[in-house]
Amino acid sequence: MPHDWSRLFLPGDFRWHLGLQAGDARSFFAPTEEQAALLTERAHWLGEAPEEYAALAPDGAPLLAEALALARSWGASVAEDSVGGLGRAWEPDFVLLSCGEGGLIVEGGAVCFPTAWALRDKVGRSLFETHGPVPQLNTQLAVRIDTALRKLAPGAAWERDNWGLARGAELNRHPRRQLPRLDAAVTPDEVWLRIEQQLLLKLPQTGGVLFGIRITTVPLRELPAVPAATDGLRRALESMPEDAAAYKGLTTARPTIIGWLKAAAAERRIPPLAGERE
């Protein structure tokens, strides 16, 4: 479970943060040991409901053409020149944004592993609008996000991390699937940490932005082995405002999860469920 937990859980109380660090786009989109399984699952969702997982506005065609050229120059095998074709070739999800006087606009992409959001609801909307449902995010970070992306040098990339908790390990948590959510009755074995490793690349030809999202899921029961993860998550949950907890789907489950993490801080493991043996 290698990860820089200090990038995921900052010191102090919970807050939305950018946490940008210099990135490497080619490495971010490069194949991993999980390639076969990930591409198989991506092909499944893109084949089952392509309109849900891939989309492209007319203004996004030049951005897609540039992304396709980059993918092929990095060694990706792309069967067709479409967002679906690129979505079947890359392990991470990707979103294409144009950068004009009106701000950053979502022009399309292929998102097979969303965290409770739908790509087609975002296409044609500004980044400011897409962040609207996130409590206080625009107030705290909108100007910084817009400024950072506009000033990003052509060909340069930044990376950042984000996190959430989910009931189950499924990568694809599209709203249409109506998967079970966290609630007060959840058990430790059902809770998984979702880590979003994100990459922002300024496309040199179009001036747009390629936004990559790579999802990793970690069982809550494994976190006690890493004190920085257990303590960081507990601190974030304890200090999280109610509206942020509601947005992350944690309102009713949060007290229970905090209790487990407190026990883990004392014992460095989550205690067994009632009826389990040590």
C-alpha atoms as a PDB file:
ATOM      1  CA  MET A   1       0.000   0.000   0.000  1.00  0.00           C
ATOM      2  CA  PRO A   2       2.684   2.559  -0.966  1.00  0.00           C
ATOM      3  CA  HIS A   3       1.480   6.148  -0.872  1.00  0.00           C
ATOM      4  CA  ASP A   4       2.560   9.575   0.299  1.00  0.00           C
ATOM      5  CA  TRP A   5      -0.078   9.971   2.996  1.00  0.00           C
ATOM      6  CA  SER A   6       1.054  13.507   3.798  1.00  0.00           C
ATOM      7  CA  ARG A   7      -0.273  14.568   0.377  1.00  0.00           C
ATOM      8  CA  LEU A   8      -3.639  12.970   1.063  1.00  0.00           C
ATOM      9  CA  PHE A   9      -4.228  14.021   4.674  1.00  0.00           C
ATOM     10  CA  LEU A  10      -2.766  17.412   5.493  1.00  0.00           C
ATOM     11  CA  PRO A  11      -1.878  18.456   9.072  1.00  0.00           C
ATOM     12  CA  GLY A  12      -4.588  20.282  10.955  1.00  0.00           C
ATOM     13  CA  ASP A  13      -8.329  20.365  10.401  1.00  0.00           C
ATOM     14  CA  PHE A  14     -10.060  19.184   7.232  1.00  0.00           C
ATOM     15  CA  ARG A  15     -10.068  21.634   4.333  1.00  0.00           C
ATOM     16  CA  TRP A  16     -10.255  21.548   0.565  1.00  0.00           C
ATOM     17  CA  HIS A  17      -6.777  21.948  -0.846  1.00  0.00           C
ATOM     18  CA  LEU A  18      -4.958  21.875  -4.186  1.00  0.00           C
ATOM     19  CA  GLY A  19      -1.712  20.257  -3.069  1.00  0.00           C
ATOM     20  CA  LEU A  20      -0.215  20.514  -6.540  1.00  0.00           C
ATOM     21  CA  GLN A  21       3.142  18.923  -7.247  1.00  0.00           C
ATOM     22  CA  ALA A  22       5.162  18.619 -10.438  1.00  0.00           C
ATOM     23  CA  GLY A  23       3.979  15.601 -12.399  1.00  0.00           C
ATOM     24  CA  ASP A  24       4.942  13.361 -15.302  1.00  0.00           C
ATOM     25  CA  ALA A  25       2.056  12.768 -17.715  1.00  0.00           C
ATOM     26  CA  ARG A  26       3.717   9.932 -19.596  1.00  0.00           C
ATOM     27  CA  SER A  27       4.334   7.991 -16.369  1.00  0.00           C
ATOM     28  CA  PHE A  28       0.829   8.734 -15.094  1.00  0.00           C
ATOM     29  CA  PHE A  29      -0.798   7.168 -18.175  1.00  0.00           C
ATOM     30  CA  ALA A  30       1.760   4.359 -18.525  1.00  0.00           C
ATOM     31  CA  PRO A  31       0.611   0.725 -18.163  1.00  0.00           C
ATOM     32  CA  THR A  32       0.811  -0.917 -14.746  1.00  0.00           C
ATOM     33  CA  GLU A  33       0.603  -4.523 -13.558  1.00  0.00           C
ATOM     34  CA  GLU A  34      -3.170  -4.080 -13.406  1.00  0.00           C
ATOM     35  CA  GLN A  35      -3.472  -3.136 -17.084  1.00  0.00           C
ATOM     36  CA  ALA A  36      -5.252  -6.274 -18.305  1.00  0.00           C
ATOM     37  CA  ALA A  37      -7.912  -6.188 -15.590  1.00  0.00           C
ATOM     38  CA  LEU A  38      -8.446  -2.423 -15.822  1.00  0.00           C
ATOM     39  CA  LEU A  39      -8.756  -2.333 -19.611  1.00  0.00           C
ATOM     40  CA  THR A  40     -11.122  -5.306 -19.548  1.00  0.00           C
ATOM     41  CA  GLU A  41     -13.397  -3.528 -17.087  1.00  0.00           C
ATOM     42  CA  ARG A  42     -13.193  -0.258 -18.993  1.00  0.00           C
ATOM     43  CA  ALA A  43     -14.161  -2.030 -22.222  1.00  0.00           C
ATOM     44  CA  HIS A  44     -17.113  -3.596 -20.423  1.00  0.00           C
ATOM     45  CA  TRP A  45     -18.588  -0.295 -19.244  1.00  0.00           C
ATOM     46  CA  LEU A  46     -17.876   1.513 -22.516  1.00  0.00           C
ATOM     47  CA  GLY A  47     -19.581  -1.314 -24.367  1.00  0.00           C
ATOM     48  CA  GLU A  48     -22.567  -1.587 -22.029  1.00  0.00           C
ATOM     49  CA  ALA A  49     -23.485   2.116 -21.871  1.00  0.00           C
ATOM     50  CA  PRO A  50     -21.163   4.236 -24.047  1.00  0.00           C
ATOM     51  CA  GLU A  51     -23.366   7.306 -23.663  1.00  0.00           C
ATOM     52  CA  GLU A  52     -22.857   7.200 -19.896  1.00  0.00           C
ATOM     53  CA  TYR A  53     -19.089   6.779 -19.836  1.00  0.00           C
ATOM     54  CA  ALA A  54     -17.801   8.674 -22.893  1.00  0.00           C
ATOM     55  CA  ALA A  55     -18.798  12.012 -24.388  1.00  0.00           C
ATOM     56  CA  LEU A  56     -17.403  14.775 -26.570  1.00  0.00           C
ATOM     57  CA  ALA A  57     -18.769  18.223 -27.380  1.00  0.00           C
ATOM     58  CA  PRO A  58     -18.080  19.588 -30.898  1.00  0.00           C
ATOM     59  CA  ASP A  59     -15.537  22.059 -29.503  1.00  0.00           C
ATOM     60  CA  GLY A  60     -13.651  19.162 -27.942  1.00  0.00           C
ATOM     61  CA  ALA A  61     -12.545  17.591 -31.240  1.00  0.00           C
ATOM     62  CA  PRO A  62      -9.158  19.424 -31.396  1.00  0.00           C
ATOM     63  CA  LEU A  63      -8.460  18.503 -27.752  1.00  0.00           C
ATOM     64  CA  LEU A  64      -9.217  14.858 -28.466  1.00  0.00           C
ATOM     65  CA  ALA A  65      -6.989  14.861 -31.559  1.00  0.00           C
ATOM     66  CA  GLU A  66      -4.094  16.201 -29.490  1.00  0.00           C
ATOM     67  CA  ALA A  67      -4.708  13.684 -26.691  1.00  0.00           C
ATOM     68  CA  LEU A  68      -4.794  10.818 -29.218  1.00  0.00           C
ATOM     69  CA  ALA A  69      -1.495  11.930 -30.719  1.00  0.00           C
ATOM     70  CA  LEU A  70       0.074  12.107 -27.263  1.00  0.00           C
ATOM     71  CA  ALA A  71      -1.229   8.658 -26.315  1.00  0.00           C
ATOM     72  CA  ARG A  72       0.235   7.088 -29.428  1.00  0.00           C
ATOM     73  CA  SER A  73       3.549   8.876 -28.964  1.00  0.00           C
ATOM     74  CA  TRP A  74       3.680   7.342 -25.465  1.00  0.00           C
ATOM     75  CA  GLY A  75       3.129   3.857 -26.870  1.00  0.00           C
ATOM     76  CA  ALA A  76      -0.608   3.374 -26.272  1.00  0.00           C
ATOM     77  CA  SER A  77      -2.454   1.160 -28.739  1.00  0.00           C
ATOM     78  CA  VAL A  78      -5.592   3.099 -29.677  1.00  0.00           C
ATOM     79  CA  ALA A  79      -7.932   1.213 -31.996  1.00  0.00           C
ATOM     80  CA  GLU A  80     -10.152   4.114 -33.025  1.00  0.00           C
ATOM     81  CA  ASP A  81     -10.014   7.913 -32.996  1.00  0.00           C
ATOM     82  CA  SER A  82     -12.738   8.563 -30.447  1.00  0.00           C
ATOM     83  CA  VAL A  83     -13.102   9.247 -26.749  1.00  0.00           C
ATOM     84  CA  GLY A  84     -14.261   5.651 -26.379  1.00  0.00           C
ATOM     85  CA  GLY A  85     -11.231   4.385 -28.257  1.00  0.00           C
ATOM     86  CA  LEU A  86      -8.876   6.325 -26.014  1.00  0.00           C
ATOM     87  CA  GLY A  87     -10.911   5.267 -22.986  1.00  0.00           C
ATOM     88  CA  ARG A  88     -10.249   1.635 -23.904  1.00  0.00           C
ATOM     89  CA  ALA A  89      -6.511   2.235 -24.290  1.00  0.00           C
ATOM     90  CA  TRP A  90      -5.669   4.139 -21.110  1.00  0.00           C
ATOM     91  CA  GLU A  91      -5.989   2.784 -17.575  1.00  0.00           C
ATOM     92  CA  PRO A  92      -6.935   6.143 -15.988  1.00  0.00           C
ATOM     93  CA  ASP A  93     -10.084   8.089 -16.729  1.00  0.00           C
ATOM     94  CA  PHE A  94      -9.601  11.363 -18.558  1.00  0.00           C
ATOM     95  CA  VAL A  95     -11.475  14.626 -19.062  1.00  0.00           C
ATOM     96  CA  LEU A  96     -10.716  17.283 -21.700  1.00  0.00           C
ATOM     97  CA  LEU A  97     -11.126  20.960 -20.809  1.00  0.00           C
ATOM     98  CA  SER A  98     -10.888  23.978 -23.090  1.00  0.00           C
ATOM     99  CA  CYS A  99      -9.372  27.165 -21.726  1.00  0.00           C
ATOM    100  CA  GLY A 100     -10.977  30.359 -23.054  1.00  0.00           C
ATOM    101  CA  GLU A 101     -12.078  33.782 -21.905  1.00  0.00           C
ATOM    102  CA  GLY A 102     -15.170  32.260 -20.331  1.00  0.00           C
ATOM    103  CA  GLY A 103     -13.091  29.989 -18.128  1.00  0.00           C
ATOM    104  CA  LEU A 104     -12.332  26.303 -18.236  1.00  0.00           C
ATOM    105  CA  ILE A 105     -15.058  24.267 -19.962  1.00  0.00           C
ATOM    106  CA  VAL A 106     -15.554  20.498 -19.818  1.00  0.00           C
ATOM    107  CA  GLU A 107     -15.542  19.342 -23.459  1.00  0.00           C
ATOM    108  CA  GLY A 108     -15.638  15.577 -22.965  1.00  0.00           C
ATOM    109  CA  GLY A 109     -13.660  12.520 -21.992  1.00  0.00           C
ATOM    110  CA  ALA A 110     -14.024   8.910 -20.925  1.00  0.00           C
ATOM    111  CA  VAL A 111     -14.846   8.305 -17.256  1.00  0.00           C
ATOM    112  CA  CYS A 112     -15.509   4.658 -16.406  1.00  0.00           C
ATOM    113  CA  PHE A 113     -14.676   4.816 -12.690  1.00  0.00           C
ATOM    114  CA  PRO A 114     -16.492   7.922 -11.393  1.00  0.00           C
ATOM    115  CA  THR A 115     -17.025   8.590  -7.707  1.00  0.00           C
ATOM    116  CA  ALA A 116     -20.808   9.134  -7.710  1.00  0.00           C
ATOM    117  CA  TRP A 117     -20.932  11.567 -10.655  1.00  0.00           C
ATOM    118  CA  ALA A 118     -21.839  11.332 -14.333  1.00  0.00           C
ATOM    119  CA  LEU A 119     -19.673  12.704 -17.136  1.00  0.00           C
ATOM    120  CA  ARG A 120     -22.609  13.620 -19.368  1.00  0.00           C
ATOM    121  CA  ASP A 121     -23.898  15.981 -16.637  1.00  0.00           C
ATOM    122  CA  LYS A 122     -20.609  17.917 -16.794  1.00  0.00           C
ATOM    123  CA  VAL A 123     -20.018  18.296 -20.556  1.00  0.00           C
ATOM    124  CA  GLY A 124     -20.507  21.882 -21.718  1.00  0.00           C
ATOM    125  CA  ARG A 125     -20.319  23.278 -18.195  1.00  0.00           C
ATOM    126  CA  SER A 126     -17.566  25.394 -16.707  1.00  0.00           C
ATOM    127  CA  LEU A 127     -15.217  23.992 -14.104  1.00  0.00           C
ATOM    128  CA  PHE A 128     -16.734  26.491 -11.668  1.00  0.00           C
ATOM    129  CA  GLU A 129     -20.201  25.012 -12.326  1.00  0.00           C
ATOM    130  CA  THR A 130     -19.025  21.416 -12.006  1.00  0.00           C
ATOM    131  CA  HIS A 131     -17.545  22.221  -8.596  1.00  0.00           C
ATOM    132  CA  GLY A 132     -20.753  23.928  -7.494  1.00  0.00           C
ATOM    133  CA  PRO A 133     -22.126  20.948  -5.511  1.00  0.00           C
ATOM    134  CA  VAL A 134     -18.958  20.738  -3.401  1.00  0.00           C
ATOM    135  CA  PRO A 135     -19.582  22.825  -0.250  1.00  0.00           C
ATOM    136  CA  GLN A 136     -17.265  25.853  -0.012  1.00  0.00           C
ATOM    137  CA  LEU A 137     -14.861  24.561  -2.661  1.00  0.00           C
ATOM    138  CA  ASN A 138     -15.470  27.399  -5.109  1.00  0.00           C
ATOM    139  CA  THR A 139     -15.292  29.941  -2.304  1.00  0.00           C
ATOM    140  CA  GLN A 140     -11.968  28.588  -1.085  1.00  0.00           C
ATOM    141  CA  LEU A 141     -10.256  27.475  -4.289  1.00  0.00           C
ATOM    142  CA  ALA A 142     -12.003  28.578  -7.515  1.00  0.00           C
ATOM    143  CA  VAL A 143      -9.732  31.553  -8.198  1.00  0.00           C
ATOM    144  CA  ARG A 144      -6.596  29.580  -7.340  1.00  0.00           C
ATOM    145  CA  ILE A 145      -7.630  26.670  -9.584  1.00  0.00           C
ATOM    146  CA  ASP A 146      -8.395  28.923 -12.546  1.00  0.00           C
ATOM    147  CA  THR A 147      -5.178  30.898 -12.104  1.00  0.00           C
ATOM    148  CA  ALA A 148      -3.044  27.786 -11.700  1.00  0.00           C
ATOM    149  CA  LEU A 149      -4.395  26.109 -14.828  1.00  0.00           C
ATOM    150  CA  ARG A 150      -4.125  29.237 -16.947  1.00  0.00           C
ATOM    151  CA  LYS A 151      -0.515  29.771 -15.887  1.00  0.00           C
ATOM    152  CA  LEU A 152       0.482  26.149 -16.428  1.00  0.00           C
ATOM    153  CA  ALA A 153       3.205  26.088 -19.072  1.00  0.00           C
ATOM    154  CA  PRO A 154       2.449  24.202 -22.311  1.00  0.00           C
ATOM    155  CA  GLY A 155       3.483  20.574 -21.909  1.00  0.00           C
ATOM    156  CA  ALA A 156       3.867  20.912 -18.131  1.00  0.00           C
ATOM    157  CA  ALA A 157       1.914  18.725 -15.713  1.00  0.00           C
ATOM    158  CA  TRP A 158       0.839  18.861 -12.095  1.00  0.00           C
ATOM    159  CA  GLU A 159      -0.420  16.071  -9.877  1.00  0.00           C
ATOM    160  CA  ARG A 160      -2.605  16.079  -6.789  1.00  0.00           C
ATOM    161  CA  ASP A 161      -4.444  13.566  -4.594  1.00  0.00           C
ATOM    162  CA  ASN A 162      -8.000  13.375  -3.325  1.00  0.00           C
ATOM    163  CA  TRP A 163      -9.824  10.850  -1.160  1.00  0.00           C
ATOM    164  CA  GLY A 164     -13.235   9.487  -0.269  1.00  0.00           C
ATOM    165  CA  LEU A 165     -14.802   6.510   1.493  1.00  0.00           C
ATOM    166  CA  ALA A 166     -17.145   4.020  -0.131  1.00  0.00           C
ATOM    167  CA  ARG A 167     -19.163   0.947   0.732  1.00  0.00           C
ATOM    168  CA  GLY A 168     -17.366  -1.651  -1.349  1.00  0.00           C
ATOM    169  CA  ALA A 169     -14.341  -1.854  -3.612  1.00  0.00           C
ATOM    170  CA  GLU A 170     -16.073  -1.235  -6.951  1.00  0.00           C
ATOM    171  CA  LEU A 171     -14.110   1.178  -9.135  1.00  0.00           C
ATOM    172  CA  ASN A 172     -17.202   2.245 -11.060  1.00  0.00           C
ATOM    173  CA  ARG A 173     -19.523   4.134  -8.728  1.00  0.00           C
ATOM    174  CA  HIS A 174     -21.648   5.789 -11.410  1.00  0.00           C
ATOM    175  CA  PRO A 175     -25.001   7.028 -10.036  1.00  0.00           C
ATOM    176  CA  ARG A 176     -26.896   4.830 -12.509  1.00  0.00           C
ATOM    177  CA  ARG A 177     -25.611   1.726 -10.714  1.00  0.00           C
ATOM    178  CA  GLN A 178     -27.276   2.725  -7.419  1.00  0.00           C
ATOM    179  CA  LEU A 179     -24.657   0.934  -5.322  1.00  0.00           C
ATOM    180  CA  PRO A 180     -25.146   0.665  -1.534  1.00  0.00           C
ATOM    181  CA  ARG A 181     -23.952   3.724   0.337  1.00  0.00           C
ATOM    182  CA  LEU A 182     -22.326   4.161   3.702  1.00  0.00           C
ATOM    183  CA  ASP A 183     -24.690   4.335   6.669  1.00  0.00           C
ATOM    184  CA  ALA A 184     -24.714   3.730  10.413  1.00  0.00           C
ATOM    185  CA  ALA A 185     -25.064  -0.046   9.910  1.00  0.00           C
ATOM    186  CA  VAL A 186     -21.885  -0.414   7.845  1.00  0.00           C
ATOM    187  CA  THR A 187     -19.273  -2.940   8.989  1.00  0.00           C
ATOM    188  CA  PRO A 188     -15.470  -2.512   8.838  1.00  0.00           C
ATOM    189  CA  ASP A 189     -15.096  -5.010   6.001  1.00  0.00           C
ATOM    190  CA  GLU A 190     -17.454  -2.964   3.820  1.00  0.00           C
ATOM    191  CA  VAL A 191     -15.555   0.342   4.044  1.00  0.00           C
ATOM    192  CA  TRP A 192     -12.918   1.173   1.442  1.00  0.00           C
ATOM    193  CA  LEU A 193     -10.732   4.227   1.039  1.00  0.00           C
ATOM    194  CA  ARG A 194     -10.852   5.596  -2.523  1.00  0.00           C
ATOM    195  CA  ILE A 195      -7.694   7.433  -3.506  1.00  0.00           C
ATOM    196  CA  GLU A 196      -7.913   9.653  -6.580  1.00  0.00           C
ATOM    197  CA  GLN A 197      -4.530  10.410  -8.089  1.00  0.00           C
ATOM    198  CA  GLN A 198      -5.139  13.288 -10.466  1.00  0.00           C
ATOM    199  CA  LEU A 199      -2.997  14.766 -13.223  1.00  0.00           C
ATOM    200  CA  LEU A 200      -3.396  18.109 -15.026  1.00  0.00           C
ATOM    201  CA  LEU A 201      -1.486  18.494 -18.295  1.00  0.00           C
ATOM    202  CA  LYS A 202      -1.495  21.693 -20.371  1.00  0.00           C
ATOM    203  CA  LEU A 203      -1.888  20.609 -23.986  1.00  0.00           C
ATOM    204  CA  PRO A 204       0.709  22.594 -25.957  1.00  0.00           C
ATOM    205  CA  GLN A 205      -1.130  22.830 -29.291  1.00  0.00           C
ATOM    206  CA  THR A 206      -4.724  23.612 -28.272  1.00  0.00           C
ATOM    207  CA  GLY A 207      -3.972  25.273 -24.926  1.00  0.00           C
ATOM    208  CA  GLY A 208      -6.549  23.001 -23.293  1.00  0.00           C
ATOM    209  CA  VAL A 209      -6.098  20.758 -20.270  1.00  0.00           C
ATOM    210  CA  LEU A 210      -5.961  16.972 -20.110  1.00  0.00           C
ATOM    211  CA  PHE A 211      -7.237  15.887 -16.688  1.00  0.00           C
ATOM    212  CA  GLY A 212      -6.391  12.306 -15.708  1.00  0.00           C
ATOM    213  CA  ILE A 213      -7.913  10.382 -12.795  1.00  0.00           C
ATOM    214  CA  ARG A 214      -6.441   7.122 -11.525  1.00  0.00           C
ATOM    215  CA  ILE A 215      -8.445   5.358  -8.787  1.00  0.00           C
ATOM    216  CA  THR A 216      -6.968   3.093  -6.112  1.00  0.00           C
ATOM    217  CA  THR A 217      -9.106   1.379  -3.473  1.00  0.00           C
ATOM    218  CA  VAL A 218      -7.761   0.286  -0.081  1.00  0.00           C
ATOM    219  CA  PRO A 219      -9.730  -1.727   2.521  1.00  0.00           C
ATOM    220  CA  LEU A 220     -10.214   0.154   5.768  1.00  0.00           C
ATOM    221  CA  ARG A 221      -8.959  -2.912   7.640  1.00  0.00           C
ATOM    222  CA  GLU A 222      -5.500  -2.464   6.066  1.00  0.00           C
ATOM    223  CA  LEU A 223      -5.033   1.135   7.208  1.00  0.00           C
ATOM    224  CA  PRO A 224      -4.008   0.402  10.829  1.00  0.00           C
ATOM    225  CA  ALA A 225      -0.752  -0.999   9.452  1.00  0.00           C
ATOM    226  CA  VAL A 226       0.071   2.559   8.379  1.00  0.00           C
ATOM    227  CA  PRO A 227      -0.309   4.996  11.316  1.00  0.00           C
ATOM    228  CA  ALA A 228      -0.041   8.055   9.061  1.00  0.00           C
ATOM    229  CA  ALA A 229      -3.074   6.839   7.104  1.00  0.00           C
ATOM    230  CA  THR A 230      -5.171   5.862  10.128  1.00  0.00           C
ATOM    231  CA  ASP A 231      -4.415   9.035  12.083  1.00  0.00           C
ATOM    232  CA  GLY A 232      -4.763  11.305   9.054  1.00  0.00           C
ATOM    233  CA  LEU A 233      -8.159   9.908   8.095  1.00  0.00           C
ATOM    234  CA  ARG A 234      -9.448  10.076  11.683  1.00  0.00           C
ATOM    235  CA  ARG A 235      -8.329  13.695  12.044  1.00  0.00           C
ATOM    236  CA  ALA A 236      -9.991  14.621   8.741  1.00  0.00           C
ATOM    237  CA  LEU A 237     -13.277  12.935   9.680  1.00  0.00           C
ATOM    238  CA  GLU A 238     -13.379  14.480  13.159  1.00  0.00           C
ATOM    239  CA  SER A 239     -12.839  18.021  11.862  1.00  0.00           C
ATOM    240  CA  MET A 240     -14.910  17.793   8.675  1.00  0.00           C
ATOM    241  CA  PRO A 241     -17.840  20.271   8.514  1.00  0.00           C
ATOM    242  CA  GLU A 242     -21.303  18.746   8.342  1.00  0.00           C
ATOM    243  CA  ASP A 243     -21.945  19.920   4.769  1.00  0.00           C
ATOM    244  CA  ALA A 244     -18.678  18.405   3.562  1.00  0.00           C
ATOM    245  CA  ALA A 245     -19.505  15.118   5.307  1.00  0.00           C
ATOM    246  CA  ALA A 246     -22.933  15.102   3.646  1.00  0.00           C
ATOM    247  CA  TYR A 247     -21.345  15.717   0.227  1.00  0.00           C
ATOM    248  CA  LYS A 248     -18.972  12.786   0.768  1.00  0.00           C
ATOM    249  CA  GLY A 249     -21.858  10.546   1.893  1.00  0.00           C
ATOM    250  CA  LEU A 250     -20.487  10.186   5.420  1.00  0.00           C
ATOM    251  CA  THR A 251     -23.136  11.774   7.627  1.00  0.00           C
ATOM    252  CA  THR A 252     -24.480   8.658   9.354  1.00  0.00           C
ATOM    253  CA  ALA A 253     -21.423   6.412   9.008  1.00  0.00           C
ATOM    254  CA  ARG A 254     -18.879   8.931  10.254  1.00  0.00           C
ATOM    255  CA  PRO A 255     -19.255   8.332  14.045  1.00  0.00           C
ATOM    256  CA  THR A 256     -18.885   4.586  13.581  1.00  0.00           C
ATOM    257  CA  ILE A 257     -15.822   4.898  11.349  1.00  0.00           C
ATOM    258  CA  ILE A 258     -14.196   7.376  13.737  1.00  0.00           C
ATOM    259  CA  GLY A 259     -14.728   4.876  16.555  1.00  0.00           C
ATOM    260  CA  TRP A 260     -12.908   2.154  14.644  1.00  0.00           C
ATOM    261  CA  LEU A 261     -10.040   4.493  13.805  1.00  0.00           C
ATOM    262  CA  LYS A 262      -9.693   5.532  17.434  1.00  0.00           C
ATOM    263  CA  ALA A 263      -9.472   1.879  18.426  1.00  0.00           C
ATOM    264  CA  ALA A 264      -6.883   1.351  15.706  1.00  0.00           C
ATOM    265  CA  ALA A 265      -4.839   4.267  17.033  1.00  0.00           C
ATOM    266  CA  ALA A 266      -4.666   2.469  20.356  1.00  0.00           C
ATOM    267  CA  GLU A 267      -4.123  -1.046  19.068  1.00  0.00           C
ATOM    268  CA  ARG A 268      -2.852  -0.346  15.543  1.00  0.00           C
ATOM    269  CA  ARG A 269      -5.544  -2.615  14.136  1.00  0.00           C
ATOM    270  CA  ILE A 270      -9.324  -2.558  13.824  1.00  0.00           C
ATOM    271  CA  PRO A 271     -10.813  -4.832  16.493  1.00  0.00           C
ATOM    272  CA  PRO A 272     -12.758  -7.895  15.321  1.00  0.00           C
ATOM    273  CA  LEU A 273     -16.467  -7.737  14.756  1.00  0.00           C
ATOM    274  CA  ALA A 274     -18.808  -9.158  17.377  1.00  0.00           C
ATOM    275  CA  GLY A 275     -18.600 -12.948  17.160  1.00  0.00           C
ATOM    276  CA  GLU A 276     -15.237 -12.946  15.373  1.00  0.00           C
ATOM    277  CA  ARG A 277     -12.231 -14.688  16.853  1.00  0.00           C
ATOM    278  CA  GLU A 278      -9.024 -12.858  17.563  1.00  0.00           C
END
